[in-house]
Amino acid sequence: MYEKHFSTRKTPQSEAIPGKDMVPDSAGGYAFAVDDWKRLDRFLILGAEGGTYYIKERELTKENAEAVMRCIAADGNRVLQRVIEVSDKGLAPKNDPALFVLAMCVGLGDTDTRRSALESLPAVARIGTHLFTFIRYVEAFRGWGRLLREAVAGWYNEKTAERLAYQVVKYQQRGGWSHRDVLRLSHPKPKTDGHDSVFAWVTQGEIKDGVPEIIAAFEKAKTADEEQTIKLIAEHGLTREMIRTEHLGSPRVWGALLEKMPMTAMIRNLGNMSKIGLLAKGKWETVNKVVGRITDEAALRKSRIHPLSILAALVTYQRGKGLRGSGEWEPVGDVVDALDDAFYLAFGNVEATNKRRLIGLDVSGSMASSEIAGVGGISPRMGSAAMCLVTYRTEPNVAVMMFSQDFIPLEIGRKERLDSVMKKIYNLPFQGTDCALPMLYALKNGIEVDVFEVYTDSETWAGDIHPVQALQEYRRQSGIPAKLIVVGMVSNGFSIADPNDGGMLDVVGFDVSAPSVMRQFILETA
C-alpha cells in the first residue's frame, strides 16, 4: 500500500507533490509560488488594500513590496516599462500601486533606474491627485534632492498653462498635500507668462493679467448665485469641485455640470444626480443622455475607465445608497441596464475562441471576505462572477460551475445580469476549498473540455488530489490536451498552475487585457 503514501499522480493538497517545487499557502495547503514578476503584475493591478481572508493588509503589502524590490534590483527598466504600460493603458482599477512602484524605483533603484523613473513621472502621475500621491509615497524612500525637485517642477511646466490651471483648480489638495506646498518645495521656473500667473495664484493668491480663464471663473464662482454659477459652468467648464457646496443640491446646477462632465465623474455621481431628482423615472431627456453616454464604446475607451470602476458604480447605484455618507435614491432601471452593458464594453472587443470551456468559480469563504483593489463592495467572489460573464456572453460552448468543497452547475442565461447571478452564488453551504473539482467533475461526467478556467485566490487545501494532477489525469483518460487558465483574484504569492507546464496559464483578474491574453493562449498550438 506504499502508493497510498507516496504518489506523483495523486497527492493530498495538504502535502506537496513529490518532485515539485511547491510552498505552503495561507490556508494549510500547498501551491506553486508565483515568481516576482507575476507578483509585480498582481500588485500593480490588484493592489493590497484590505488584505485577504488569510493575510492582513500590512503583511500583504510588505510581501508584495519585497517582491517589487527584487524586481527593481534585477531589472529596473523592465519594472518601469510595466508600470507605464499598466498605468497608461488603464489596465488596473486604481493608479495608486503604479505610483507606489514608481516611487520605489525613484528611491531604491540604481542611478539609471532613478533617472528614468523621474522622467516617467508625467506619464504615470497624469493628474494633480496622482502627483500628491506619488510625493507621499516617494518620501517613504528618500528626501527632496535636486533630481526629484526638477522632476516635480517639470510636471508643472510640461503642461500648457490652460491645462495646468485646470489641474490646480480641480485637484487643489489631497492627502495632506497642496499645490502650494509642492511648488514651494520644487521651485519651478515658469516656462511662460501663463505658467507664471498660475504659480502666482497658487502660492500667493494673486490674480495677474493673462491668468487662464478657468482660474478667473473659479474666483467668480466663490461668490456667485445659482444663475451665475450655471452660466460659469456653461462658459468655462467648471466641475463640481469648483463651485460652492450649497449649489450642489440644485438639479439645474447638476444639469449644467452634466453637459461636459467627464465619463468617470458621471458614473461616480449617478447616485447624487438621482438623489436630487435630476436623474429619475420620467426624466427621459436626462436618462437618455446618460444612458447614451454610458454605452458609447468609443467614449468608454477614450476615458480609460476600468471595468471594475463601472462594476462598483453598478453595484452602488443599484443598491440605492452609497457605502459612505447619507442619503438614498431610487435607481432608474434603464441606467442599471446601461451600466451592466458598459461593464462588458469596457473590456473591448472580446472574440470567441469556439473552444469547449468549463469555468469554475471558487465561491469559498475566503473569496467573499476582502475587496478587489480596495474597491468597496466588490469581493473576489463577485468579481469572478462578473468576469466569467464576459466569456459566457462571447463563447458558444461554455459551462459555468461554482465550487468550494462541492461542485454545483451554475445555470445562467446568455443575457443574464450580474445581480441575478450573485443571488445564485451567495448563501450557499460551502466550507473547504478544492480547486481540483472542475477537472474531477468533467472526468467523472465525461464532459469534453478544451480549456478549464478557474477563478480563485489559490488558497486550496481540502482535496485529496492537487489541481495539476487532476488536469493531468483528465488529459490521460480523455485524450484531450486540455489547458488550464488560473485567474488570480488577489495579490498573494500562490497559484494552482504549474509554471513548468506549457498548457497552464496564470493571469491577473481584472487586468483589462486578460480576455485577449487568454484567447491567444487558448488558440496557441503546442
Protein backbone atom coordinates (compact mmCIF):
# COMPACT_ATOMS: atom_id res chain seq x y z
CA MET A 1 0.00 0.00 0.00
CA TYR A 2 3.02 2.27 -0.38
CA GLU A 3 1.35 4.08 -3.29
CA LYS A 4 -1.22 5.49 -0.88
CA HIS A 5 1.54 7.31 0.94
CA PHE A 6 3.72 8.46 -1.94
CA SER A 7 2.48 9.19 -5.46
CA THR A 8 3.22 11.79 -8.11
CA ARG A 9 -0.24 11.25 -9.66
CA LYS A 10 -2.39 11.69 -6.56
CA THR A 11 -1.23 13.71 -3.58
CA PRO A 12 -3.41 15.33 -0.90
CA GLN A 13 -3.47 19.10 -1.24
CA SER A 14 -2.22 19.35 2.34
CA GLU A 15 1.12 17.95 1.08
CA ALA A 16 3.49 18.99 -1.70
CA ILE A 17 3.59 16.88 -4.87
CA PRO A 18 6.81 14.85 -4.76
CA GLY A 19 9.44 16.38 -7.00
CA LYS A 20 7.53 19.64 -7.46
CA ASP A 21 8.71 22.98 -6.12
CA MET A 22 5.67 23.90 -4.04
CA VAL A 23 5.18 26.12 -1.00
CA PRO A 24 2.62 26.20 1.82
CA ASP A 25 -0.28 28.54 1.04
CA SER A 26 -2.02 30.56 3.73
CA ALA A 27 -4.87 28.06 4.18
CA GLY A 28 -2.86 24.98 5.08
CA GLY A 29 -2.49 23.51 1.60
CA TYR A 30 0.36 23.53 -0.91
CA ALA A 31 0.53 25.51 -4.14
CA PHE A 32 3.07 26.84 -6.61
CA ALA A 33 4.79 30.12 -5.76
CA VAL A 34 4.36 32.79 -8.41
CA ASP A 35 7.62 34.46 -9.39
CA ASP A 36 8.43 38.07 -8.52
CA TRP A 37 7.41 39.38 -11.95
CA LYS A 38 3.99 37.79 -11.67
CA ARG A 39 3.75 39.20 -8.15
CA LEU A 40 4.58 42.63 -9.58
CA ASP A 41 1.72 42.30 -12.06
CA ARG A 42 -0.71 41.20 -9.37
CA PHE A 43 0.25 44.13 -7.16
CA LEU A 44 0.03 46.70 -9.96
CA ILE A 45 -3.47 45.52 -10.91
CA LEU A 46 -4.99 44.22 -7.68
CA GLY A 47 -3.11 46.22 -5.05
CA ALA A 48 -3.09 45.11 -1.41
CA GLU A 49 -5.75 47.29 0.27
CA GLY A 50 -7.68 45.46 2.92
CA GLY A 51 -5.50 42.34 2.72
CA THR A 52 -7.19 38.98 2.21
CA TYR A 53 -9.05 36.48 4.34
CA TYR A 54 -5.73 34.99 5.45
CA ILE A 55 -3.28 37.92 5.27
CA LYS A 56 -3.66 41.38 6.80
CA GLU A 57 -3.06 44.45 4.65
CA ARG A 58 0.30 45.32 6.24
CA GLU A 59 1.75 41.84 5.73
CA LEU A 60 0.39 41.55 2.19
CA THR A 61 1.80 44.97 1.25
CA LYS A 62 5.22 44.06 2.68
CA GLU A 63 5.29 40.77 0.78
CA ASN A 64 4.42 42.48 -2.49
CA ALA A 65 6.85 45.36 -1.91
CA GLU A 66 9.71 42.96 -1.18
CA ALA A 67 8.99 41.18 -4.47
CA VAL A 68 8.97 44.56 -6.25
CA MET A 69 12.34 45.42 -4.65
CA ARG A 70 13.84 42.23 -6.05
CA CYS A 71 12.45 43.05 -9.50
CA ILE A 72 13.93 46.57 -9.35
CA ALA A 73 17.31 45.15 -8.38
CA ALA A 74 17.17 42.60 -11.20
CA ASP A 75 15.92 44.91 -14.00
CA GLY A 76 14.69 48.36 -13.05
CA ASN A 77 13.97 49.32 -16.65
CA ARG A 78 11.67 46.33 -17.10
CA VAL A 79 9.77 47.32 -13.95
CA LEU A 80 9.34 50.87 -15.25
CA GLN A 81 8.10 49.68 -18.63
CA ARG A 82 5.45 47.55 -16.94
CA VAL A 83 4.43 50.38 -14.59
CA ILE A 84 3.97 52.77 -17.51
CA GLU A 85 2.07 50.16 -19.55
CA VAL A 86 -0.36 49.30 -16.75
CA SER A 87 -0.94 52.96 -15.90
CA ASP A 88 -1.12 54.42 -19.40
CA LYS A 89 -3.38 51.72 -20.84
CA GLY A 90 -5.69 51.76 -17.83
CA LEU A 91 -5.16 48.04 -17.16
CA ALA A 92 -5.64 48.45 -13.40
CA PRO A 93 -8.66 49.68 -11.43
CA LYS A 94 -6.53 52.15 -9.47
CA ASN A 95 -3.34 54.04 -10.25
CA ASP A 96 -2.01 54.03 -6.67
CA PRO A 97 0.01 50.78 -6.94
CA ALA A 98 1.71 52.06 -10.10
CA LEU A 99 2.57 55.31 -8.32
CA PHE A 100 3.93 53.37 -5.36
CA VAL A 101 6.17 51.19 -7.54
CA LEU A 102 7.32 54.31 -9.41
CA ALA A 103 8.24 55.87 -6.06
CA MET A 104 10.14 52.69 -5.14
CA CYS A 105 12.09 52.95 -8.39
CA VAL A 106 12.95 56.58 -7.60
CA GLY A 107 14.01 55.77 -4.06
CA LEU A 108 15.54 52.32 -4.37
CA GLY A 109 16.70 51.86 -7.96
CA ASP A 110 20.19 52.34 -9.34
CA THR A 111 21.17 55.65 -10.93
CA ASP A 112 19.74 54.83 -14.37
CA THR A 113 16.52 53.48 -12.89
CA ARG A 114 16.03 56.55 -10.70
CA ARG A 115 16.64 58.93 -13.56
CA SER A 116 14.30 57.05 -15.91
CA ALA A 117 11.62 56.81 -13.21
CA LEU A 118 11.68 60.57 -12.63
CA GLU A 119 11.47 61.19 -16.37
CA SER A 120 8.39 58.91 -16.40
CA LEU A 121 6.57 60.91 -13.72
CA PRO A 122 4.16 62.78 -16.09
CA ALA A 123 3.24 59.50 -17.83
CA VAL A 124 2.14 57.83 -14.58
CA ALA A 125 1.06 60.84 -12.49
CA ARG A 126 -1.32 62.40 -15.01
CA ILE A 127 -3.46 64.49 -12.67
CA GLY A 128 -2.92 66.50 -9.52
CA THR A 129 -4.17 63.75 -7.22
CA HIS A 130 -1.64 61.35 -8.74
CA LEU A 131 1.17 63.85 -8.12
CA PHE A 132 0.23 64.29 -4.46
CA THR A 133 0.01 60.51 -4.01
CA PHE A 134 3.42 59.99 -5.63
CA ILE A 135 5.02 62.59 -3.37
CA ARG A 136 3.53 60.97 -0.29
CA TYR A 137 4.93 57.62 -1.41
CA VAL A 138 8.38 58.81 -2.50
CA GLU A 139 9.04 60.46 0.86
CA ALA A 140 8.92 56.96 2.37
CA PHE A 141 12.10 56.16 0.42
CA ARG A 142 14.12 59.38 0.00
CA GLY A 143 14.34 63.11 0.60
CA TRP A 144 13.99 66.05 -1.76
CA GLY A 145 17.18 66.07 -3.81
CA ARG A 146 17.91 68.06 -6.94
CA LEU A 147 16.63 65.43 -9.40
CA LEU A 148 13.32 64.99 -7.57
CA ARG A 149 12.77 68.75 -7.42
CA GLU A 150 13.50 69.05 -11.14
CA ALA A 151 11.14 66.19 -11.99
CA VAL A 152 8.27 67.65 -9.96
CA ALA A 153 8.92 71.13 -11.41
CA GLY A 154 8.84 69.52 -14.86
CA TRP A 155 5.42 68.03 -14.10
CA TYR A 156 4.03 71.57 -13.86
CA ASN A 157 5.91 73.02 -16.82
CA GLU A 158 5.27 70.21 -19.30
CA LYS A 159 1.58 71.14 -19.38
CA THR A 160 0.19 74.16 -21.17
CA ALA A 161 -0.81 76.99 -18.85
CA GLU A 162 -4.51 76.25 -19.54
CA ARG A 163 -4.19 72.53 -18.74
CA LEU A 164 -2.16 73.31 -15.65
CA ALA A 165 -4.77 75.82 -14.47
CA TYR A 166 -7.46 73.14 -14.73
CA GLN A 167 -5.36 70.75 -12.64
CA VAL A 168 -4.60 73.20 -9.83
CA VAL A 169 -8.24 74.29 -9.58
CA LYS A 170 -9.84 70.84 -9.80
CA TYR A 171 -7.32 69.00 -7.60
CA GLN A 172 -6.32 71.63 -5.04
CA GLN A 173 -5.26 69.31 -2.24
CA ARG A 174 -5.24 65.63 -1.37
CA GLY A 175 -3.66 63.50 1.33
CA GLY A 176 -2.19 66.40 3.27
CA TRP A 177 -0.52 67.98 0.21
CA SER A 178 -1.49 71.06 -1.79
CA HIS A 179 -0.05 72.59 -4.95
CA ARG A 180 1.19 75.49 -2.84
CA ASP A 181 3.27 73.05 -0.75
CA VAL A 182 4.66 71.27 -3.79
CA LEU A 183 5.54 74.43 -5.72
CA ARG A 184 7.41 75.83 -2.73
CA LEU A 185 9.45 72.62 -2.48
CA SER A 186 10.16 72.16 -6.19
CA HIS A 187 10.79 75.85 -7.15
CA PRO A 188 9.84 75.56 -10.85
CA LYS A 189 10.88 78.37 -13.16
CA PRO A 190 7.75 79.27 -15.16
CA LYS A 191 8.04 78.30 -18.81
CA THR A 192 5.65 81.03 -20.00
CA ASP A 193 3.88 84.09 -18.64
CA GLY A 194 0.78 81.90 -18.34
CA HIS A 195 2.66 79.47 -16.09
CA ASP A 196 3.93 82.40 -14.05
CA SER A 197 0.35 83.62 -13.49
CA VAL A 198 -0.76 80.14 -12.38
CA PHE A 199 2.15 79.82 -9.95
CA ALA A 200 1.44 83.30 -8.53
CA TRP A 201 -2.22 82.45 -7.97
CA VAL A 202 -1.40 79.12 -6.28
CA THR A 203 1.34 80.41 -3.98
CA GLN A 204 0.16 83.95 -3.26
CA GLY A 205 -3.49 84.12 -4.30
CA GLU A 206 -2.57 86.83 -6.82
CA ILE A 207 -4.62 87.31 -10.00
CA LYS A 208 -2.21 88.55 -12.65
CA ASP A 209 -3.08 89.82 -16.12
CA GLY A 210 -3.33 86.90 -18.52
CA VAL A 211 -4.28 84.34 -15.88
CA PRO A 212 -6.09 81.37 -17.54
CA GLU A 213 -9.86 81.84 -17.75
CA ILE A 214 -10.74 78.87 -15.56
CA ILE A 215 -8.93 80.42 -12.58
CA ALA A 216 -10.76 83.72 -13.06
CA ALA A 217 -14.06 81.82 -13.37
CA PHE A 218 -13.30 79.82 -10.24
CA GLU A 219 -12.74 83.02 -8.29
CA LYS A 220 -16.07 84.40 -9.52
CA ALA A 221 -17.83 81.14 -8.57
CA LYS A 222 -16.84 81.64 -4.93
CA THR A 223 -19.47 84.39 -4.57
CA ALA A 224 -21.82 83.53 -7.47
CA ASP A 225 -25.53 82.84 -7.06
CA GLU A 226 -27.18 79.84 -8.71
CA GLU A 227 -27.86 81.56 -12.04
CA GLN A 228 -24.35 82.93 -12.23
CA THR A 229 -22.92 79.52 -11.32
CA ILE A 230 -24.84 77.82 -14.13
CA LYS A 231 -23.53 80.42 -16.57
CA LEU A 232 -19.93 79.96 -15.39
CA ILE A 233 -20.26 76.18 -15.74
CA ALA A 234 -21.57 76.52 -19.30
CA GLU A 235 -18.98 79.09 -20.39
CA HIS A 236 -15.86 77.78 -18.65
CA GLY A 237 -16.45 74.10 -17.98
CA LEU A 238 -16.29 74.33 -14.20
CA THR A 239 -16.58 70.96 -12.43
CA ARG A 240 -18.39 70.18 -9.19
CA GLU A 241 -15.14 70.66 -7.22
CA MET A 242 -15.01 74.27 -8.40
CA ILE A 243 -18.44 75.51 -7.26
CA ARG A 244 -19.98 76.40 -3.92
CA THR A 245 -21.19 73.44 -1.85
CA GLU A 246 -24.66 74.94 -1.38
CA HIS A 247 -25.27 74.82 -5.14
CA LEU A 248 -24.68 71.05 -5.28
CA GLY A 249 -28.26 70.47 -4.13
CA SER A 250 -29.68 72.09 -7.25
CA PRO A 251 -30.92 69.91 -10.14
CA ARG A 252 -30.33 72.82 -12.53
CA VAL A 253 -26.69 73.13 -11.47
CA TRP A 254 -26.17 69.38 -11.87
CA GLY A 255 -27.86 69.58 -15.27
CA ALA A 256 -25.30 72.19 -16.32
CA LEU A 257 -22.45 70.08 -14.93
CA LEU A 258 -23.70 67.01 -16.80
CA GLU A 259 -23.27 68.68 -20.21
CA LYS A 260 -19.46 68.48 -20.08
CA MET A 261 -18.96 66.03 -17.22
CA PRO A 262 -16.15 63.52 -17.87
CA MET A 263 -17.19 59.87 -18.11
CA THR A 264 -15.59 58.76 -14.84
CA ALA A 265 -17.12 61.64 -12.89
CA MET A 266 -20.54 61.00 -14.42
CA ILE A 267 -20.53 57.34 -13.47
CA ARG A 268 -19.40 58.13 -9.93
CA ASN A 269 -22.15 60.74 -9.50
CA LEU A 270 -25.15 58.80 -10.80
CA GLY A 271 -26.41 58.39 -7.24
CA ASN A 272 -26.03 62.10 -6.50
CA MET A 273 -27.94 63.03 -9.66
CA SER A 274 -30.72 60.60 -8.74
CA LYS A 275 -30.77 61.82 -5.14
CA ILE A 276 -31.52 65.42 -6.15
CA GLY A 277 -34.09 64.38 -8.78
CA LEU A 278 -32.20 65.16 -11.99
CA LEU A 279 -31.91 61.50 -12.92
CA ALA A 280 -35.21 59.80 -12.19
CA LYS A 281 -38.07 57.85 -13.75
CA GLY A 282 -39.90 60.10 -16.17
CA LYS A 283 -36.90 62.42 -16.69
CA TRP A 284 -36.49 60.95 -20.15
CA GLU A 285 -34.18 63.57 -21.62
CA THR A 286 -31.63 63.23 -18.83
CA VAL A 287 -31.98 59.44 -18.61
CA ASN A 288 -31.48 59.01 -22.37
CA LYS A 289 -28.48 61.35 -22.33
CA VAL A 290 -26.82 59.43 -19.50
CA VAL A 291 -27.62 56.01 -20.99
CA GLY A 292 -26.28 57.07 -24.40
CA ARG A 293 -23.00 58.25 -22.93
CA ILE A 294 -22.52 55.23 -20.64
CA THR A 295 -22.94 52.81 -23.54
CA ASP A 296 -20.77 54.75 -26.01
CA GLU A 297 -17.94 52.24 -26.54
CA ALA A 298 -15.59 54.80 -28.12
CA ALA A 299 -16.13 57.21 -25.24
CA LEU A 300 -15.55 54.46 -22.69
CA ARG A 301 -12.27 53.53 -24.35
CA LYS A 302 -11.14 57.15 -24.59
CA SER A 303 -11.90 57.78 -20.92
CA ARG A 304 -9.82 54.73 -19.89
CA ILE A 305 -12.41 53.92 -17.26
CA HIS A 306 -11.74 50.48 -15.84
CA PRO A 307 -14.42 47.75 -15.88
CA LEU A 308 -14.09 47.39 -12.10
CA SER A 309 -14.98 51.08 -11.66
CA ILE A 310 -18.10 50.50 -13.75
CA LEU A 311 -18.93 47.39 -11.74
CA ALA A 312 -18.57 49.34 -8.49
CA ALA A 313 -20.83 52.06 -9.85
CA LEU A 314 -23.38 49.43 -10.93
CA VAL A 315 -23.45 47.75 -7.51
CA THR A 316 -23.66 51.07 -5.65
CA TYR A 317 -26.28 52.66 -7.90
CA GLN A 318 -28.46 49.57 -7.94
CA ARG A 319 -28.31 49.38 -4.12
CA GLY A 320 -29.77 52.88 -3.89
CA LYS A 321 -27.33 54.19 -1.29
CA GLY A 322 -23.59 54.73 -1.02
CA LEU A 323 -21.12 52.86 1.16
CA ARG A 324 -20.33 56.14 2.89
CA GLY A 325 -22.34 59.26 3.50
CA SER A 326 -26.06 59.71 3.90
CA GLY A 327 -28.98 59.83 1.52
CA GLU A 328 -30.75 57.31 -0.67
CA TRP A 329 -32.13 57.31 -4.20
CA GLU A 330 -34.48 55.32 -6.41
CA PRO A 331 -32.42 53.53 -9.10
CA VAL A 332 -33.56 54.00 -12.70
CA GLY A 333 -33.83 50.66 -14.50
CA ASP A 334 -32.51 51.96 -17.82
CA VAL A 335 -29.40 53.32 -16.10
CA VAL A 336 -28.80 50.00 -14.33
CA ASP A 337 -29.07 48.19 -17.68
CA ALA A 338 -26.69 50.70 -19.28
CA LEU A 339 -24.08 50.16 -16.55
CA ASP A 340 -24.40 46.42 -16.99
CA ASP A 341 -23.77 46.78 -20.74
CA ALA A 342 -20.91 49.24 -20.15
CA PHE A 343 -19.08 46.71 -17.97
CA TYR A 344 -18.68 44.34 -20.91
CA LEU A 345 -17.98 47.13 -23.40
CA ALA A 346 -15.08 48.33 -21.23
CA PHE A 347 -13.20 45.10 -21.94
CA GLY A 348 -13.18 45.97 -25.64
CA ASN A 349 -13.96 43.58 -28.48
CA VAL A 350 -13.68 40.09 -26.97
CA GLU A 351 -13.67 37.48 -29.72
CA ALA A 352 -14.85 33.89 -29.35
CA THR A 353 -12.36 31.01 -29.49
CA ASN A 354 -15.12 28.45 -30.19
CA LYS A 355 -13.32 26.04 -27.87
CA ARG A 356 -15.10 23.94 -25.24
CA ARG A 357 -14.61 25.85 -21.99
CA LEU A 358 -15.54 24.98 -18.43
CA ILE A 359 -15.39 27.85 -15.94
CA GLY A 360 -15.04 27.05 -12.26
CA LEU A 361 -15.82 29.84 -9.79
CA ASP A 362 -14.25 29.49 -6.37
CA VAL A 363 -17.04 30.67 -4.06
CA SER A 364 -15.40 29.67 -0.78
CA GLY A 365 -15.48 31.93 2.26
CA SER A 366 -12.09 33.50 1.57
CA MET A 367 -13.34 34.76 -1.80
CA ALA A 368 -16.05 36.82 -0.10
CA SER A 369 -14.05 38.35 2.73
CA SER A 370 -11.92 41.02 1.01
CA GLU A 371 -12.19 43.61 -1.75
CA ILE A 372 -10.58 43.67 -5.19
CA ALA A 373 -8.07 46.52 -5.41
CA GLY A 374 -9.69 48.13 -2.38
CA VAL A 375 -12.87 48.89 -4.32
CA GLY A 376 -15.70 48.96 -1.81
CA GLY A 377 -18.37 46.29 -2.15
CA ILE A 378 -16.57 44.23 -4.84
CA SER A 379 -15.32 40.95 -3.39
CA PRO A 380 -13.22 38.45 -5.37
CA ARG A 381 -16.32 36.24 -5.46
CA MET A 382 -18.39 38.98 -7.11
CA GLY A 383 -15.55 39.96 -9.42
CA SER A 384 -15.16 36.34 -10.54
CA ALA A 385 -18.83 36.08 -11.41
CA ALA A 386 -18.69 39.32 -13.37
CA MET A 387 -15.56 38.36 -15.32
CA CYS A 388 -16.85 34.91 -16.19
CA LEU A 389 -19.92 36.53 -17.77
CA VAL A 390 -17.59 38.25 -20.25
CA THR A 391 -16.63 34.79 -21.51
CA TYR A 392 -20.14 33.37 -21.17
CA ARG A 393 -21.63 36.08 -23.37
CA THR A 394 -18.99 35.51 -26.04
CA GLU A 395 -18.40 31.78 -26.30
CA PRO A 396 -20.93 29.31 -27.82
CA ASN A 397 -19.55 26.26 -25.95
CA VAL A 398 -19.10 27.20 -22.30
CA ALA A 399 -20.41 25.96 -18.97
CA VAL A 400 -20.08 27.66 -15.59
CA MET A 401 -19.79 25.83 -12.30
CA MET A 402 -19.25 27.03 -8.74
CA PHE A 403 -17.26 25.18 -6.17
CA SER A 404 -15.77 25.20 -2.72
CA GLN A 405 -15.77 21.68 -1.31
CA ASP A 406 -18.69 20.76 -3.55
CA PHE A 407 -19.20 21.38 -7.27
CA ILE A 408 -22.52 22.73 -8.47
CA PRO A 409 -23.57 23.72 -12.02
CA LEU A 410 -24.49 27.39 -12.32
CA GLU A 411 -27.49 27.78 -14.60
CA ILE A 412 -27.40 31.22 -16.21
CA GLY A 413 -28.71 32.78 -19.38
CA ARG A 414 -26.65 34.46 -22.09
CA LYS A 415 -28.02 37.89 -21.23
CA GLU A 416 -28.42 37.35 -17.51
CA ARG A 417 -27.36 40.27 -15.36
CA LEU A 418 -24.76 40.11 -12.62
CA ASP A 419 -27.22 40.82 -9.80
CA SER A 420 -29.22 37.75 -10.78
CA VAL A 421 -26.08 35.59 -10.90
CA MET A 422 -24.92 36.82 -7.49
CA LYS A 423 -28.20 35.74 -5.88
CA LYS A 424 -27.45 32.19 -7.04
CA ILE A 425 -23.89 32.24 -5.69
CA TYR A 426 -24.36 33.71 -2.23
CA ASN A 427 -25.73 31.97 0.85
CA LEU A 428 -24.50 28.52 -0.20
CA PRO A 429 -23.31 25.99 2.43
CA PHE A 430 -19.68 25.78 1.33
CA GLN A 431 -16.72 25.15 3.64
CA GLY A 432 -13.29 23.96 2.47
CA THR A 433 -11.69 24.80 -0.88
CA ASP A 434 -10.81 22.20 -3.52
CA CYS A 435 -9.64 23.72 -6.82
CA ALA A 436 -9.29 20.26 -8.40
CA LEU A 437 -13.07 19.88 -8.59
CA PRO A 438 -13.58 21.35 -12.11
CA MET A 439 -11.29 18.72 -13.65
CA LEU A 440 -12.64 15.89 -11.48
CA TYR A 441 -16.22 16.82 -12.33
CA ALA A 442 -15.51 16.80 -16.08
CA LEU A 443 -13.71 13.46 -15.76
CA LYS A 444 -16.49 11.84 -13.76
CA ASN A 445 -19.25 13.06 -16.07
CA GLY A 446 -17.49 12.50 -19.38
CA ILE A 447 -17.54 16.19 -20.33
CA GLU A 448 -15.24 17.14 -23.20
CA VAL A 449 -13.28 20.25 -22.26
CA ASP A 450 -10.53 22.05 -24.14
CA VAL A 451 -9.95 24.74 -21.53
CA PHE A 452 -10.59 24.84 -17.81
CA GLU A 453 -10.76 28.34 -16.29
CA VAL A 454 -10.58 28.64 -12.54
CA TYR A 455 -11.22 31.97 -10.80
CA THR A 456 -9.67 31.70 -7.36
CA ASP A 457 -7.35 33.05 -4.67
CA SER A 458 -5.47 29.69 -4.95
CA GLU A 459 -5.93 29.02 -1.21
CA THR A 460 -6.85 25.39 -1.89
CA TRP A 461 -6.39 22.66 0.71
CA ALA A 462 -9.38 20.34 1.04
CA GLY A 463 -8.89 17.85 -1.78
CA ASP A 464 -7.08 14.51 -1.89
CA ILE A 465 -5.53 15.34 -5.28
CA HIS A 466 -3.85 18.53 -6.49
CA PRO A 467 -5.47 20.52 -9.34
CA VAL A 468 -2.49 19.95 -11.65
CA GLN A 469 -2.67 16.20 -11.01
CA ALA A 470 -6.40 16.24 -11.71
CA LEU A 471 -5.73 18.03 -15.01
CA GLN A 472 -3.05 15.51 -15.97
CA GLU A 473 -5.43 12.65 -15.16
CA TYR A 474 -8.13 14.30 -17.28
CA ARG A 475 -5.68 14.57 -20.18
CA ARG A 476 -4.69 10.89 -19.84
CA GLN A 477 -8.21 9.49 -19.63
CA SER A 478 -9.94 11.79 -22.14
CA GLY A 479 -7.14 12.03 -24.69
CA ILE A 480 -7.79 15.80 -24.88
CA PRO A 481 -4.73 18.06 -24.36
CA ALA A 482 -6.78 20.28 -22.09
CA LYS A 483 -5.38 23.59 -20.88
CA LEU A 484 -5.82 25.31 -17.53
CA ILE A 485 -6.13 29.06 -17.02
CA VAL A 486 -5.92 30.27 -13.44
CA VAL A 487 -7.36 33.74 -12.90
CA GLY A 488 -5.81 35.11 -9.71
CA MET A 489 -8.24 37.36 -7.85
CA VAL A 490 -5.96 38.58 -5.01
CA SER A 491 -2.34 39.72 -4.91
CA ASN A 492 -0.94 36.84 -2.88
CA GLY A 493 2.02 34.71 -3.92
CA PHE A 494 0.29 31.45 -4.84
CA SER A 495 -1.10 29.71 -7.89
CA ILE A 496 -2.55 26.28 -8.57
CA ALA A 497 -0.94 26.34 -12.05
CA ASP A 498 2.39 24.58 -12.56
CA PRO A 499 4.78 27.17 -14.06
CA ASN A 500 6.67 24.37 -15.83
CA ASP A 501 3.61 23.14 -17.72
CA GLY A 502 3.17 24.99 -21.02
CA GLY A 503 -0.53 24.10 -21.00
CA MET A 504 -1.21 26.21 -17.92
CA LEU A 505 -1.50 29.98 -17.70
CA ASP A 506 -1.69 32.47 -14.84
CA VAL A 507 -3.49 35.73 -15.49
CA VAL A 508 -4.37 38.54 -13.12
CA GLY A 509 -8.06 39.08 -12.54
CA PHE A 510 -9.39 42.44 -13.74
CA ASP A 511 -6.44 43.11 -15.99
CA VAL A 512 -8.30 44.68 -18.94
CA SER A 513 -6.01 42.78 -21.32
CA ALA A 514 -6.83 39.41 -19.69
CA PRO A 515 -9.52 38.26 -22.19
CA SER A 516 -7.23 38.82 -25.19
CA VAL A 517 -4.27 37.15 -23.44
CA MET A 518 -6.46 34.17 -22.56
CA ARG A 519 -7.74 33.92 -26.12
CA GLN A 520 -4.22 33.93 -27.56
CA PHE A 521 -3.13 31.21 -25.13
CA ILE A 522 -6.16 29.05 -25.90
CA LEU A 523 -5.60 29.22 -29.65
CA GLU A 524 -1.86 28.51 -29.47
CA THR A 525 -0.88 25.07 -30.68
CA ALA A 526 1.79 23.02 -28.95
